[in-house]
Amino acid sequence: MIVFIILNIGIFLYYFHDQVVSRNISDWANFSSYISGTTSVIISIMTLLVTICIAKALSNLDEKRHIANIEYEKKRFTRDLREKKYAEVSENLNSFWLAIRNKNGGADELYIIRTRFFLFAKYKDHLFPNLNRNDLKPIDDILVEILEKMDKNLGTDNPENLGLVEKFQKEVNSFHKIMQEYITTQ
């Protein structure tokens, strides 16, 4: 802008350099009108360009913020779904303790627990794509083994089966650790 103002005065001096500096106030008023008329246009154009640049920068910033908010909401929604699914699976595994104490329908309840856990392990990929299926297999194997023993009426109170129940608890604890780490790191 300063360059344009100096250029403006330079053009004036180029054309009117042979004039004597006037002591007449009307000549100075004409000079002031010339400077004002030419520089105000330049200042207006520059102001318009700066305003356009600021508006574009704000628009880009707003777009980036909007995209970041969408990504954050997607991650939060996915995490909420994961936490809900984990809570369901956890509740299902916790019902194991009631099922093994139930002498009448314990095998049926264990079958339901095992089926729900198996389905979670099989169809987990949409919510837990990086979760290793092999980490879930030991729980399923123990549930199958307990179901076989209950079908043979070998109750879980049997000392031989007590080790299996303890192994189940150890695997469930490992499962909880894996799931909690997965949810918090994703």
N, C-alpha and C. Protein backbone atom coordinates (compact mmCIF):
# COMPACT_ATOMS: atom_id res chain seq x y z
N MET A 1 0.82 -1.17 0.00
CA MET A 1 0.00 0.00 0.00
C MET A 1 0.88 1.26 0.00
N ILE A 2 1.96 1.21 0.76
CA ILE A 2 2.89 2.35 0.79
C ILE A 2 3.52 2.55 -0.58
N VAL A 3 3.83 1.47 -1.25
CA VAL A 3 4.40 1.55 -2.60
C VAL A 3 3.42 2.23 -3.54
N PHE A 4 2.13 1.86 -3.44
CA PHE A 4 1.13 2.49 -4.30
C PHE A 4 0.99 3.99 -3.99
N ILE A 5 1.06 4.35 -2.73
CA ILE A 5 0.96 5.77 -2.36
C ILE A 5 2.18 6.54 -2.89
N ILE A 6 3.37 5.97 -2.72
CA ILE A 6 4.59 6.63 -3.24
C ILE A 6 4.54 6.71 -4.76
N LEU A 7 4.07 5.64 -5.39
CA LEU A 7 3.92 5.64 -6.85
C LEU A 7 2.92 6.72 -7.28
N ASN A 8 1.86 6.87 -6.55
CA ASN A 8 0.84 7.89 -6.82
C ASN A 8 1.45 9.29 -6.75
N ILE A 9 2.22 9.55 -5.70
CA ILE A 9 2.87 10.86 -5.55
C ILE A 9 3.93 11.04 -6.63
N GLY A 10 4.64 9.95 -6.96
CA GLY A 10 5.65 10.01 -8.03
C GLY A 10 5.04 10.39 -9.37
N ILE A 11 3.88 9.83 -9.69
CA ILE A 11 3.19 10.16 -10.93
C ILE A 11 2.80 11.65 -10.92
N PHE A 12 2.30 12.11 -9.79
CA PHE A 12 1.93 13.51 -9.67
C PHE A 12 3.15 14.40 -9.92
N LEU A 13 4.27 14.06 -9.29
CA LEU A 13 5.48 14.87 -9.44
C LEU A 13 6.02 14.80 -10.87
N TYR A 14 5.88 13.65 -11.52
CA TYR A 14 6.37 13.49 -12.89
C TYR A 14 5.65 14.46 -13.82
N TYR A 15 4.33 14.54 -13.66
CA TYR A 15 3.56 15.41 -14.55
C TYR A 15 3.60 16.89 -14.14
N PHE A 16 3.80 17.17 -12.87
CA PHE A 16 3.73 18.56 -12.41
C PHE A 16 5.03 19.03 -11.73
N HIS A 17 6.16 18.44 -12.12
CA HIS A 17 7.44 18.79 -11.49
C HIS A 17 7.90 20.21 -11.84
N ASP A 18 7.48 20.72 -12.95
CA ASP A 18 7.92 22.06 -13.33
C ASP A 18 7.09 23.17 -12.66
N GLN A 19 6.08 22.80 -11.92
CA GLN A 19 5.26 23.78 -11.20
C GLN A 19 5.99 24.27 -9.96
N VAL A 20 5.72 25.45 -9.59
CA VAL A 20 6.31 26.05 -8.39
C VAL A 20 5.39 25.69 -7.22
N VAL A 21 6.00 25.53 -6.03
CA VAL A 21 5.20 25.23 -4.86
C VAL A 21 4.33 26.46 -4.60
N SER A 22 3.07 26.18 -4.59
CA SER A 22 2.09 27.27 -4.49
C SER A 22 1.86 27.69 -3.05
N ARG A 23 1.53 28.99 -2.91
CA ARG A 23 1.15 29.49 -1.61
C ARG A 23 -0.37 29.66 -1.55
N ASN A 24 -1.02 29.24 -2.59
CA ASN A 24 -2.48 29.35 -2.68
C ASN A 24 -3.11 28.11 -2.04
N ILE A 25 -4.02 28.30 -1.12
CA ILE A 25 -4.65 27.20 -0.40
C ILE A 25 -5.52 26.35 -1.30
N SER A 26 -6.09 26.91 -2.31
CA SER A 26 -6.94 26.12 -3.23
C SER A 26 -6.10 25.13 -4.04
N ASP A 27 -4.84 25.49 -4.36
CA ASP A 27 -3.96 24.54 -5.05
C ASP A 27 -3.65 23.34 -4.14
N TRP A 28 -3.44 23.62 -2.86
CA TRP A 28 -3.19 22.53 -1.90
C TRP A 28 -4.45 21.68 -1.70
N ALA A 29 -5.59 22.30 -1.75
CA ALA A 29 -6.86 21.55 -1.63
C ALA A 29 -7.03 20.63 -2.83
N ASN A 30 -6.66 21.11 -4.01
CA ASN A 30 -6.73 20.27 -5.22
C ASN A 30 -5.76 19.09 -5.12
N PHE A 31 -4.54 19.39 -4.62
CA PHE A 31 -3.55 18.32 -4.42
C PHE A 31 -4.08 17.28 -3.43
N SER A 32 -4.68 17.75 -2.35
CA SER A 32 -5.26 16.86 -1.34
C SER A 32 -6.39 16.02 -1.92
N SER A 33 -7.21 16.61 -2.76
CA SER A 33 -8.30 15.86 -3.40
C SER A 33 -7.75 14.78 -4.33
N TYR A 34 -6.67 15.12 -5.06
CA TYR A 34 -6.03 14.15 -5.94
C TYR A 34 -5.49 12.96 -5.13
N ILE A 35 -4.74 13.25 -4.08
CA ILE A 35 -4.15 12.19 -3.24
C ILE A 35 -5.26 11.37 -2.60
N SER A 36 -6.22 12.04 -2.05
CA SER A 36 -7.33 11.35 -1.38
C SER A 36 -8.11 10.48 -2.36
N GLY A 37 -8.40 11.00 -3.51
CA GLY A 37 -9.18 10.25 -4.50
C GLY A 37 -8.46 9.02 -5.02
N THR A 38 -7.17 9.15 -5.27
CA THR A 38 -6.43 8.01 -5.82
C THR A 38 -6.04 7.00 -4.74
N THR A 39 -5.65 7.47 -3.57
CA THR A 39 -5.22 6.53 -2.53
C THR A 39 -6.40 5.84 -1.85
N SER A 40 -7.53 6.50 -1.76
CA SER A 40 -8.68 5.84 -1.12
C SER A 40 -9.14 4.64 -1.94
N VAL A 41 -9.04 4.74 -3.25
CA VAL A 41 -9.38 3.59 -4.08
C VAL A 41 -8.41 2.44 -3.81
N ILE A 42 -7.14 2.76 -3.73
CA ILE A 42 -6.12 1.74 -3.45
C ILE A 42 -6.35 1.13 -2.07
N ILE A 43 -6.62 1.99 -1.09
CA ILE A 43 -6.86 1.51 0.28
C ILE A 43 -8.12 0.65 0.32
N SER A 44 -9.14 1.04 -0.39
CA SER A 44 -10.39 0.26 -0.43
C SER A 44 -10.16 -1.11 -1.05
N ILE A 45 -9.42 -1.15 -2.15
CA ILE A 45 -9.12 -2.43 -2.81
C ILE A 45 -8.29 -3.31 -1.89
N MET A 46 -7.29 -2.72 -1.23
CA MET A 46 -6.46 -3.51 -0.32
C MET A 46 -7.28 -4.02 0.86
N THR A 47 -8.17 -3.19 1.40
CA THR A 47 -9.03 -3.61 2.50
C THR A 47 -9.94 -4.76 2.06
N LEU A 48 -10.46 -4.65 0.84
CA LEU A 48 -11.29 -5.73 0.31
C LEU A 48 -10.50 -7.03 0.17
N LEU A 49 -9.28 -6.94 -0.34
CA LEU A 49 -8.44 -8.13 -0.48
C LEU A 49 -8.10 -8.76 0.88
N VAL A 50 -7.77 -7.91 1.85
CA VAL A 50 -7.46 -8.42 3.19
C VAL A 50 -8.71 -9.08 3.80
N THR A 51 -9.87 -8.46 3.62
CA THR A 51 -11.11 -9.03 4.14
C THR A 51 -11.41 -10.38 3.50
N ILE A 52 -11.19 -10.49 2.20
CA ILE A 52 -11.40 -11.77 1.51
C ILE A 52 -10.43 -12.82 2.04
N CYS A 53 -9.18 -12.44 2.23
CA CYS A 53 -8.18 -13.40 2.77
C CYS A 53 -8.55 -13.86 4.17
N ILE A 54 -8.99 -12.94 5.00
CA ILE A 54 -9.38 -13.30 6.37
C ILE A 54 -10.60 -14.22 6.35
N ALA A 55 -11.58 -13.89 5.49
CA ALA A 55 -12.78 -14.72 5.39
C ALA A 55 -12.43 -16.13 4.92
N LYS A 56 -11.53 -16.23 3.95
CA LYS A 56 -11.12 -17.55 3.46
C LYS A 56 -10.38 -18.33 4.54
N ALA A 57 -9.50 -17.66 5.27
CA ALA A 57 -8.76 -18.33 6.35
C ALA A 57 -9.72 -18.80 7.44
N LEU A 58 -10.69 -17.97 7.80
CA LEU A 58 -11.68 -18.37 8.80
C LEU A 58 -12.54 -19.53 8.31
N SER A 59 -12.88 -19.50 7.04
CA SER A 59 -13.67 -20.60 6.47
C SER A 59 -12.89 -21.91 6.51
N ASN A 60 -11.60 -21.85 6.14
CA ASN A 60 -10.76 -23.06 6.19
C ASN A 60 -10.62 -23.56 7.61
N LEU A 61 -10.43 -22.64 8.54
CA LEU A 61 -10.30 -23.01 9.95
C LEU A 61 -11.60 -23.65 10.45
N ASP A 62 -12.72 -23.07 10.08
CA ASP A 62 -14.01 -23.61 10.49
C ASP A 62 -14.24 -25.00 9.88
N GLU A 63 -13.84 -25.17 8.64
CA GLU A 63 -13.98 -26.48 7.98
C GLU A 63 -13.13 -27.54 8.69
N LYS A 64 -11.89 -27.18 9.03
CA LYS A 64 -11.02 -28.12 9.74
C LYS A 64 -11.60 -28.47 11.11
N ARG A 65 -12.12 -27.47 11.80
CA ARG A 65 -12.74 -27.70 13.11
C ARG A 65 -13.96 -28.61 12.96
N HIS A 66 -14.74 -28.38 11.92
CA HIS A 66 -15.93 -29.20 11.68
C HIS A 66 -15.54 -30.66 11.41
N ILE A 67 -14.53 -30.85 10.58
CA ILE A 67 -14.06 -32.22 10.28
C ILE A 67 -13.51 -32.88 11.53
N ALA A 68 -12.76 -32.13 12.34
CA ALA A 68 -12.23 -32.68 13.59
C ALA A 68 -13.36 -33.06 14.54
N ASN A 69 -14.41 -32.25 14.60
CA ASN A 69 -15.56 -32.57 15.45
C ASN A 69 -16.27 -33.83 14.97
N ILE A 70 -16.41 -33.97 13.67
CA ILE A 70 -17.05 -35.18 13.13
C ILE A 70 -16.22 -36.41 13.48
N GLU A 71 -14.92 -36.33 13.31
CA GLU A 71 -14.04 -37.45 13.65
C GLU A 71 -14.13 -37.78 15.14
N TYR A 72 -14.14 -36.75 15.97
CA TYR A 72 -14.25 -36.97 17.40
C TYR A 72 -15.57 -37.66 17.74
N GLU A 73 -16.66 -37.20 17.14
CA GLU A 73 -17.97 -37.80 17.41
C GLU A 73 -18.03 -39.25 16.93
N LYS A 74 -17.40 -39.55 15.79
CA LYS A 74 -17.35 -40.93 15.30
C LYS A 74 -16.61 -41.82 16.30
N LYS A 75 -15.46 -41.32 16.77
CA LYS A 75 -14.67 -42.11 17.73
C LYS A 75 -15.43 -42.29 19.03
N ARG A 76 -16.08 -41.22 19.49
CA ARG A 76 -16.85 -41.31 20.73
C ARG A 76 -18.01 -42.28 20.58
N PHE A 77 -18.70 -42.25 19.45
CA PHE A 77 -19.81 -43.15 19.21
C PHE A 77 -19.33 -44.61 19.16
N THR A 78 -18.23 -44.84 18.46
CA THR A 78 -17.66 -46.19 18.39
C THR A 78 -17.23 -46.68 19.76
N ARG A 79 -16.61 -45.79 20.52
CA ARG A 79 -16.18 -46.17 21.87
C ARG A 79 -17.39 -46.50 22.75
N ASP A 80 -18.45 -45.70 22.65
CA ASP A 80 -19.67 -45.97 23.41
C ASP A 80 -20.26 -47.34 23.04
N LEU A 81 -20.27 -47.64 21.74
CA LEU A 81 -20.76 -48.96 21.31
C LEU A 81 -19.88 -50.08 21.85
N ARG A 82 -18.57 -49.87 21.81
CA ARG A 82 -17.65 -50.88 22.33
C ARG A 82 -17.85 -51.10 23.83
N GLU A 83 -18.00 -49.99 24.56
CA GLU A 83 -18.20 -50.11 26.00
C GLU A 83 -19.51 -50.83 26.32
N LYS A 84 -20.54 -50.54 25.54
CA LYS A 84 -21.83 -51.20 25.75
C LYS A 84 -21.71 -52.70 25.47
N LYS A 85 -21.06 -53.04 24.37
CA LYS A 85 -20.91 -54.45 24.02
C LYS A 85 -20.05 -55.17 25.06
N TYR A 86 -18.99 -54.51 25.51
CA TYR A 86 -18.14 -55.10 26.54
C TYR A 86 -18.95 -55.32 27.81
N ALA A 87 -19.79 -54.37 28.18
CA ALA A 87 -20.62 -54.50 29.38
C ALA A 87 -21.56 -55.70 29.24
N GLU A 88 -22.13 -55.88 28.05
CA GLU A 88 -23.02 -57.03 27.82
C GLU A 88 -22.27 -58.35 27.97
N VAL A 89 -21.11 -58.42 27.35
CA VAL A 89 -20.31 -59.65 27.41
C VAL A 89 -19.85 -59.91 28.84
N SER A 90 -19.44 -58.86 29.52
CA SER A 90 -19.00 -58.99 30.90
C SER A 90 -20.14 -59.49 31.79
N GLU A 91 -21.31 -58.93 31.61
CA GLU A 91 -22.48 -59.37 32.39
C GLU A 91 -22.80 -60.83 32.08
N ASN A 92 -22.68 -61.19 30.80
CA ASN A 92 -22.93 -62.58 30.41
C ASN A 92 -21.94 -63.52 31.10
N LEU A 93 -20.65 -63.15 31.10
CA LEU A 93 -19.65 -64.00 31.75
C LEU A 93 -19.84 -64.04 33.27
N ASN A 94 -20.29 -62.94 33.86
CA ASN A 94 -20.52 -62.91 35.30
C ASN A 94 -21.70 -63.80 35.71
N SER A 95 -22.63 -64.04 34.80
CA SER A 95 -23.76 -64.91 35.12
C SER A 95 -23.32 -66.38 35.20
N PHE A 96 -22.08 -66.65 34.83
CA PHE A 96 -21.50 -68.00 34.93
C PHE A 96 -21.59 -68.50 36.37
N TRP A 97 -21.32 -67.63 37.33
CA TRP A 97 -21.27 -68.05 38.73
C TRP A 97 -22.64 -68.50 39.22
N LEU A 98 -23.69 -67.85 38.77
CA LEU A 98 -25.03 -68.28 39.13
C LEU A 98 -25.39 -69.59 38.44
N ALA A 99 -24.94 -69.73 37.21
CA ALA A 99 -25.27 -70.93 36.44
C ALA A 99 -24.64 -72.19 37.03
N ILE A 100 -23.40 -72.09 37.49
CA ILE A 100 -22.75 -73.31 38.00
C ILE A 100 -23.31 -73.71 39.36
N ARG A 101 -23.94 -72.80 40.05
CA ARG A 101 -24.55 -73.13 41.35
C ARG A 101 -25.97 -73.69 41.18
N ASN A 102 -26.57 -73.45 40.04
CA ASN A 102 -27.93 -73.91 39.78
C ASN A 102 -27.89 -75.38 39.36
N LYS A 103 -28.41 -76.22 40.20
CA LYS A 103 -28.38 -77.67 39.91
C LYS A 103 -29.43 -78.07 38.88
N ASN A 104 -30.53 -77.32 38.82
CA ASN A 104 -31.63 -77.71 37.92
C ASN A 104 -31.38 -77.28 36.47
N GLY A 105 -31.14 -75.99 36.26
CA GLY A 105 -31.00 -75.49 34.89
C GLY A 105 -29.65 -74.94 34.58
N GLY A 106 -28.66 -75.33 35.36
CA GLY A 106 -27.31 -74.78 35.19
C GLY A 106 -26.72 -75.05 33.82
N ALA A 107 -26.94 -76.26 33.30
CA ALA A 107 -26.38 -76.60 31.99
C ALA A 107 -27.01 -75.74 30.91
N ASP A 108 -28.32 -75.49 31.02
CA ASP A 108 -29.00 -74.65 30.03
C ASP A 108 -28.46 -73.22 30.09
N GLU A 109 -28.30 -72.72 31.30
CA GLU A 109 -27.77 -71.36 31.46
C GLU A 109 -26.34 -71.27 30.93
N LEU A 110 -25.53 -72.28 31.24
CA LEU A 110 -24.15 -72.30 30.73
C LEU A 110 -24.13 -72.38 29.20
N TYR A 111 -25.05 -73.13 28.63
CA TYR A 111 -25.13 -73.21 27.18
C TYR A 111 -25.43 -71.82 26.59
N ILE A 112 -26.34 -71.09 27.21
CA ILE A 112 -26.68 -69.74 26.75
C ILE A 112 -25.47 -68.82 26.89
N ILE A 113 -24.78 -68.92 28.03
CA ILE A 113 -23.59 -68.10 28.26
C ILE A 113 -22.54 -68.40 27.20
N ARG A 114 -22.33 -69.68 26.96
CA ARG A 114 -21.33 -70.09 25.97
C ARG A 114 -21.72 -69.62 24.58
N THR A 115 -22.99 -69.74 24.22
CA THR A 115 -23.47 -69.33 22.90
C THR A 115 -23.29 -67.82 22.71
N ARG A 116 -23.66 -67.06 23.71
CA ARG A 116 -23.51 -65.60 23.61
C ARG A 116 -22.03 -65.21 23.48
N PHE A 117 -21.19 -65.86 24.26
CA PHE A 117 -19.76 -65.54 24.18
C PHE A 117 -19.19 -65.97 22.84
N PHE A 118 -19.60 -67.12 22.36
CA PHE A 118 -19.14 -67.61 21.05
C PHE A 118 -19.54 -66.64 19.96
N LEU A 119 -20.78 -66.17 20.00
CA LEU A 119 -21.25 -65.22 18.99
C LEU A 119 -20.48 -63.90 19.07
N PHE A 120 -20.20 -63.46 20.29
CA PHE A 120 -19.38 -62.26 20.43
C PHE A 120 -18.01 -62.48 19.79
N ALA A 121 -17.37 -63.59 20.10
CA ALA A 121 -16.04 -63.87 19.58
C ALA A 121 -16.06 -64.00 18.05
N LYS A 122 -17.12 -64.57 17.53
CA LYS A 122 -17.20 -64.80 16.09
C LYS A 122 -17.51 -63.50 15.33
N TYR A 123 -18.40 -62.66 15.87
CA TYR A 123 -18.85 -61.49 15.15
C TYR A 123 -18.35 -60.18 15.77
N LYS A 124 -17.22 -60.21 16.39
CA LYS A 124 -16.66 -59.05 17.08
C LYS A 124 -15.99 -58.07 16.12
N ASP A 125 -15.74 -58.45 14.90
CA ASP A 125 -14.90 -57.67 14.00
C ASP A 125 -15.43 -56.27 13.69
N HIS A 126 -16.73 -56.08 13.72
CA HIS A 126 -17.25 -54.75 13.39
C HIS A 126 -16.95 -53.73 14.49
N LEU A 127 -16.85 -54.15 15.74
CA LEU A 127 -16.54 -53.22 16.83
C LEU A 127 -15.11 -53.37 17.35
N PHE A 128 -14.58 -54.57 17.26
CA PHE A 128 -13.25 -54.85 17.79
C PHE A 128 -12.39 -55.50 16.70
N PRO A 129 -12.08 -54.75 15.64
CA PRO A 129 -11.40 -55.37 14.50
C PRO A 129 -9.98 -55.87 14.81
N ASN A 130 -9.30 -55.26 15.76
CA ASN A 130 -7.92 -55.66 16.05
C ASN A 130 -7.81 -56.62 17.22
N LEU A 131 -8.94 -57.05 17.75
CA LEU A 131 -8.93 -57.98 18.87
C LEU A 131 -8.64 -59.38 18.33
N ASN A 132 -7.66 -60.03 18.92
CA ASN A 132 -7.23 -61.35 18.45
C ASN A 132 -8.21 -62.42 18.92
N ARG A 133 -8.75 -63.18 17.99
CA ARG A 133 -9.71 -64.24 18.31
C ARG A 133 -9.09 -65.29 19.22
N ASN A 134 -7.80 -65.50 19.09
CA ASN A 134 -7.11 -66.50 19.93
C ASN A 134 -7.10 -66.12 21.40
N ASP A 135 -7.24 -64.82 21.69
CA ASP A 135 -7.31 -64.38 23.09
C ASP A 135 -8.65 -64.77 23.72
N LEU A 136 -9.66 -64.99 22.89
CA LEU A 136 -10.99 -65.33 23.38
C LEU A 136 -11.24 -66.84 23.42
N LYS A 137 -10.46 -67.57 22.67
CA LYS A 137 -10.67 -69.01 22.54
C LYS A 137 -10.56 -69.77 23.86
N PRO A 138 -9.61 -69.46 24.76
CA PRO A 138 -9.53 -70.24 26.01
C PRO A 138 -10.82 -70.19 26.84
N ILE A 139 -11.49 -69.06 26.88
CA ILE A 139 -12.75 -68.96 27.63
C ILE A 139 -13.79 -69.87 27.01
N ASP A 140 -13.89 -69.82 25.69
CA ASP A 140 -14.86 -70.67 25.00
C ASP A 140 -14.54 -72.15 25.22
N ASP A 141 -13.28 -72.51 25.15
CA ASP A 141 -12.89 -73.92 25.37
C ASP A 141 -13.26 -74.38 26.78
N ILE A 142 -13.02 -73.53 27.78
CA ILE A 142 -13.36 -73.90 29.16
C ILE A 142 -14.87 -74.05 29.31
N LEU A 143 -15.62 -73.12 28.71
CA LEU A 143 -17.09 -73.22 28.78
C LEU A 143 -17.58 -74.53 28.15
N VAL A 144 -17.00 -74.91 27.03
CA VAL A 144 -17.37 -76.17 26.38
C VAL A 144 -17.04 -77.35 27.29
N GLU A 145 -15.88 -77.33 27.89
CA GLU A 145 -15.47 -78.42 28.78
C GLU A 145 -16.38 -78.51 30.01
N ILE A 146 -16.73 -77.36 30.59
CA ILE A 146 -17.64 -77.36 31.74
C ILE A 146 -19.00 -77.88 31.33
N LEU A 147 -19.48 -77.48 30.16
CA LEU A 147 -20.77 -77.97 29.66
C LEU A 147 -20.75 -79.49 29.51
N GLU A 148 -19.67 -80.04 28.98
CA GLU A 148 -19.56 -81.49 28.82
C GLU A 148 -19.61 -82.18 30.18
N LYS A 149 -18.95 -81.64 31.16
CA LYS A 149 -18.95 -82.25 32.49
C LYS A 149 -20.32 -82.15 33.15
N MET A 150 -21.02 -81.02 32.92
CA MET A 150 -22.35 -80.87 33.50
C MET A 150 -23.34 -81.82 32.83
N ASP A 151 -23.13 -82.08 31.54
CA ASP A 151 -23.99 -83.04 30.84
C ASP A 151 -23.80 -84.45 31.40
N LYS A 152 -22.60 -84.72 31.90
CA LYS A 152 -22.31 -86.03 32.48
C LYS A 152 -22.63 -86.05 33.97
N ASN A 153 -23.28 -84.96 34.44
CA ASN A 153 -23.65 -84.80 35.84
C ASN A 153 -22.44 -84.84 36.77
N LEU A 154 -21.35 -84.30 36.30
CA LEU A 154 -20.18 -84.14 37.15
C LEU A 154 -20.17 -82.69 37.59
N GLY A 155 -20.79 -82.39 38.68
CA GLY A 155 -20.99 -81.00 39.14
C GLY A 155 -19.69 -80.23 39.29
N THR A 156 -19.80 -78.95 39.34
CA THR A 156 -18.62 -78.10 39.45
C THR A 156 -18.08 -78.07 40.88
N ASP A 157 -18.81 -78.69 41.82
CA ASP A 157 -18.32 -78.77 43.19
C ASP A 157 -17.23 -79.83 43.32
N ASN A 158 -17.15 -80.70 42.36
CA ASN A 158 -16.14 -81.74 42.31
C ASN A 158 -14.75 -81.09 42.29
N PRO A 159 -13.80 -81.54 43.15
CA PRO A 159 -12.47 -80.92 43.20
C PRO A 159 -11.77 -80.91 41.83
N GLU A 160 -12.03 -81.92 41.02
CA GLU A 160 -11.41 -81.97 39.69
C GLU A 160 -11.92 -80.80 38.83
N ASN A 161 -13.19 -80.50 38.99
CA ASN A 161 -13.79 -79.44 38.21
C ASN A 161 -13.53 -78.06 38.80
N LEU A 162 -13.18 -78.03 40.08
CA LEU A 162 -12.88 -76.75 40.72
C LEU A 162 -11.69 -76.07 40.05
N GLY A 163 -10.71 -76.86 39.66
CA GLY A 163 -9.54 -76.31 38.94
C GLY A 163 -9.96 -75.69 37.61
N LEU A 164 -10.96 -76.31 36.97
CA LEU A 164 -11.46 -75.79 35.71
C LEU A 164 -12.16 -74.43 35.92
N VAL A 165 -12.90 -74.33 37.02
CA VAL A 165 -13.59 -73.07 37.35
C VAL A 165 -12.55 -71.99 37.66
N GLU A 166 -11.50 -72.34 38.38
CA GLU A 166 -10.44 -71.38 38.67
C GLU A 166 -9.74 -70.94 37.39
N LYS A 167 -9.53 -71.88 36.49
CA LYS A 167 -8.91 -71.55 35.20
C LYS A 167 -9.82 -70.60 34.41
N PHE A 168 -11.13 -70.86 34.48
CA PHE A 168 -12.10 -69.99 33.83
C PHE A 168 -11.99 -68.57 34.38
N GLN A 169 -11.93 -68.45 35.71
CA GLN A 169 -11.83 -67.12 36.33
C GLN A 169 -10.55 -66.41 35.89
N LYS A 170 -9.46 -67.14 35.80
CA LYS A 170 -8.20 -66.55 35.37
C LYS A 170 -8.32 -66.04 33.93
N GLU A 171 -8.93 -66.83 33.08
CA GLU A 171 -9.11 -66.42 31.68
C GLU A 171 -10.06 -65.23 31.56
N VAL A 172 -11.10 -65.20 32.38
CA VAL A 172 -12.03 -64.07 32.36
C VAL A 172 -11.32 -62.80 32.81
N ASN A 173 -10.48 -62.90 33.83
CA ASN A 173 -9.71 -61.74 34.27
C ASN A 173 -8.79 -61.24 33.16
N SER A 174 -8.16 -62.18 32.46
CA SER A 174 -7.30 -61.82 31.33
C SER A 174 -8.13 -61.16 30.22
N PHE A 175 -9.32 -61.70 29.99
CA PHE A 175 -10.23 -61.14 28.98
C PHE A 175 -10.59 -59.69 29.35
N HIS A 176 -10.92 -59.44 30.62
CA HIS A 176 -11.26 -58.09 31.05
C HIS A 176 -10.09 -57.13 30.83
N LYS A 177 -8.90 -57.58 31.14
CA LYS A 177 -7.72 -56.74 30.95
C LYS A 177 -7.54 -56.41 29.46
N ILE A 178 -7.65 -57.41 28.62
CA ILE A 178 -7.49 -57.20 27.17
C ILE A 178 -8.54 -56.23 26.65
N MET A 179 -9.78 -56.43 27.06
CA MET A 179 -10.87 -55.58 26.58
C MET A 179 -10.72 -54.14 27.06
N GLN A 180 -10.35 -53.97 28.32
CA GLN A 180 -10.20 -52.62 28.85
C GLN A 180 -9.03 -51.89 28.18
N GLU A 181 -7.95 -52.60 27.93
CA GLU A 181 -6.82 -51.99 27.21
C GLU A 181 -7.24 -51.64 25.79
N TYR A 182 -7.98 -52.53 25.15
CA TYR A 182 -8.43 -52.29 23.77
C TYR A 182 -9.31 -51.04 23.71
N ILE A 183 -10.28 -50.96 24.62
CA ILE A 183 -11.22 -49.83 24.59
C ILE A 183 -10.51 -48.51 24.87
N THR A 184 -9.57 -48.51 25.81
CA THR A 184 -8.91 -47.26 26.17
C THR A 184 -7.87 -46.82 25.15
N THR A 185 -7.33 -47.73 24.37
CA THR A 185 -6.30 -47.35 23.41
C THR A 185 -6.84 -47.09 22.00
N GLN A 186 -8.04 -47.47 21.73
CA GLN A 186 -8.58 -47.28 20.37
C GLN A 186 -9.31 -45.98 20.24
